[in-house]
Protein backbone atom coordinates (compact mmCIF):
# COMPACT_ATOMS: atom_id res chain seq x y z
CA MET A 1 0.00 0.00 0.00
CA LEU A 2 1.29 3.44 -0.91
CA THR A 3 0.58 6.50 1.23
CA SER A 4 1.85 10.10 1.24
CA ASP A 5 4.70 11.04 3.58
CA GLY A 6 3.46 14.66 3.78
CA SER A 7 6.42 16.12 1.85
CA GLY A 8 5.47 15.03 -1.67
CA GLY A 9 6.96 11.54 -1.43
CA ILE A 10 5.11 8.27 -1.28
CA VAL A 11 5.68 5.77 1.54
CA ALA A 12 6.02 2.36 -0.13
CA GLU A 13 6.77 0.35 3.02
CA PRO A 14 7.68 1.40 6.56
CA ASN A 15 11.12 3.10 6.55
CA PHE A 16 11.08 3.61 2.75
CA THR A 17 9.89 6.55 0.64
CA TYR A 18 9.38 6.30 -3.13
CA ASN A 19 9.79 9.38 -5.33
CA GLY A 20 7.81 8.52 -8.47
CA THR A 21 9.07 11.55 -10.41
CA ASP A 22 12.74 10.60 -10.12
CA GLY A 23 12.22 6.86 -9.58
CA PHE A 24 14.16 6.72 -6.29
CA LEU A 25 13.43 4.44 -3.36
CA THR A 26 14.96 5.96 -0.22
CA LEU A 27 15.58 4.37 3.16
CA THR A 28 14.29 6.78 5.82
CA GLN A 29 16.11 5.39 8.86
CA THR A 30 19.71 5.74 9.98
CA TYR A 31 21.22 2.60 8.44
CA SER A 32 19.72 -0.71 7.56
CA LYS A 33 20.27 -3.51 5.09
CA VAL A 34 20.37 -1.21 2.06
CA ASN A 35 22.29 2.01 1.50
CA THR A 36 23.39 3.83 -1.66
CA THR A 37 26.18 6.36 -1.94
CA THR A 38 27.55 8.48 -4.79
CA ASN A 39 31.05 9.98 -4.82
CA ASN A 40 32.02 12.18 -7.76
CA ASN A 41 35.43 13.39 -8.98
CA VAL A 42 37.44 11.02 -6.78
CA SER A 43 41.15 11.02 -7.69
CA ALA A 44 42.74 9.59 -4.53
CA SER A 45 42.11 6.46 -2.50
CA GLN A 46 39.32 6.88 0.05
CA THR A 47 36.74 5.02 2.13
CA ILE A 48 33.45 4.70 0.24
CA GLN A 49 31.37 2.76 2.82
CA SER A 50 31.96 2.04 6.50
CA PHE A 51 29.78 0.52 9.20
CA ALA A 52 30.17 -1.38 12.48
CA ASN A 53 31.36 -4.92 11.89
CA ASP A 54 28.71 -6.26 14.27
CA LEU A 55 25.95 -4.90 12.01
CA GLY A 56 26.05 -8.10 9.98
CA CYS A 57 28.31 -10.89 8.78
CA ALA A 58 28.41 -10.34 5.01
CA ALA A 59 27.53 -7.77 2.35
CA ILE A 60 27.11 -7.32 -1.37
CA PHE A 61 28.34 -4.01 -2.74
CA GLU A 62 26.93 -3.35 -6.22
CA TYR A 63 28.85 -0.64 -8.04
CA CYS A 64 29.32 1.34 -11.20
CA ILE A 65 32.54 3.31 -11.71
CA THR A 66 33.24 5.80 -14.51
CA GLU A 67 36.60 7.46 -15.17
CA ASN A 68 36.50 11.02 -16.53
CA SER A 69 37.84 9.75 -19.90
CA GLY A 70 34.77 7.48 -20.20
CA ALA A 71 36.21 4.10 -19.08
CA LYS A 72 33.51 2.26 -17.14
CA ARG A 73 32.69 -0.99 -15.38
CA MET A 74 30.05 -2.36 -13.07
CA GLY A 75 30.15 -5.26 -10.69
CA GLN A 76 29.48 -6.79 -7.32
CA ILE A 77 31.83 -7.18 -4.39
CA TYR A 78 31.01 -10.09 -2.12
CA ALA A 79 32.44 -9.47 1.37
CA VAL A 80 32.45 -11.53 4.54
CA TRP A 81 34.03 -10.66 7.89
CA ASP A 82 34.40 -11.39 11.57
CA THR A 83 35.62 -9.11 14.36
CA LEU A 84 39.25 -9.16 13.21
CA SER A 85 39.45 -9.62 9.46
CA ALA A 86 37.58 -9.43 6.16
CA THR A 87 37.84 -10.95 2.71
CA HIS A 88 36.12 -10.22 -0.58
CA THR A 89 35.85 -11.02 -4.25
CA ASP A 90 34.98 -8.63 -7.09
CA VAL A 91 32.85 -9.97 -9.94
CA SER A 92 32.64 -7.36 -12.68
CA SER A 93 31.74 -6.65 -16.27
CA PRO A 94 34.38 -6.25 -18.95
CA ASP A 95 35.72 -2.69 -19.19
CA LEU A 96 33.84 -0.32 -21.50
CA ASN A 97 35.55 2.56 -23.38
CA GLY A 98 39.00 1.87 -21.93
CA SER A 99 40.80 0.28 -19.01
CA THR A 100 39.60 0.55 -15.40
CA SER A 101 42.74 -1.14 -14.03
CA ASN A 102 43.67 2.02 -12.07
CA PHE A 103 40.66 1.42 -9.80
CA ILE A 104 40.84 -1.42 -7.24
CA TRP A 105 38.50 -2.24 -4.34
CA LYS A 106 39.71 -3.19 -0.85
CA VAL A 107 37.64 -4.48 2.11
CA ASP A 108 39.07 -4.36 5.67
CA ILE A 109 38.17 -4.25 9.34
CA ILE A 110 39.49 -0.96 10.73
CA THR A 111 38.91 -0.05 14.39
CA GLY A 112 35.80 -2.24 14.59
CA ASP A 113 34.29 -1.08 11.30
CA LEU A 114 33.94 -2.89 7.99
CA THR A 115 35.33 -0.51 5.35
CA LEU A 116 35.04 -0.55 1.58
CA THR A 117 37.90 1.50 0.13
CA CYS A 118 38.76 2.41 -3.44
CA ASN A 119 42.45 2.39 -4.29
CA ILE A 120 43.07 4.72 -7.22
CA GLY A 121 46.29 4.54 -9.22
CA GLY A 122 45.31 7.26 -11.67
CA GLY A 123 42.44 9.22 -13.17
CA THR A 124 39.36 10.87 -11.70
CA TRP A 125 36.32 8.68 -11.00
CA ASP A 126 32.59 8.85 -10.35
CA ILE A 127 31.57 6.04 -7.99
CA LEU A 128 28.08 4.70 -7.30
CA VAL A 129 27.75 1.95 -4.68
CA SER A 130 24.64 0.22 -3.37
CA THR A 131 25.21 -1.83 -0.23
CA ARG A 132 23.14 -4.79 0.95
CA ILE A 133 24.13 -6.12 4.38
CA VAL A 134 23.35 -9.70 5.38
CA PHE A 135 22.14 -9.62 8.99
């Protein structure tokens, strides 16, 4: 059932609001199983997602990266962790419009948080990541 949230959005389910004009489904609580982040014009390594390692035991990070010259790829990072360490694998599409080899994902436990970091060896990147946490 869809209802109005009073600010022009439509509540699709508790804790979610759907904007039919833009086609966005937004989580309206602090952090849950699903979160999406966009980082534009990134040219140095940085943390893209971070959350407490006791929030879950695994996650799937779906991503699309685009270098300013047009090189692009999309994929999924499968991550699993415990309180001390993390491991992951990256399953991705072939590169489009050039090499994306200057962009590498890293998953770690840092001071009790699971972190998804991009390691950039060159170029400037737009990064879109959707995170699904397995509770």
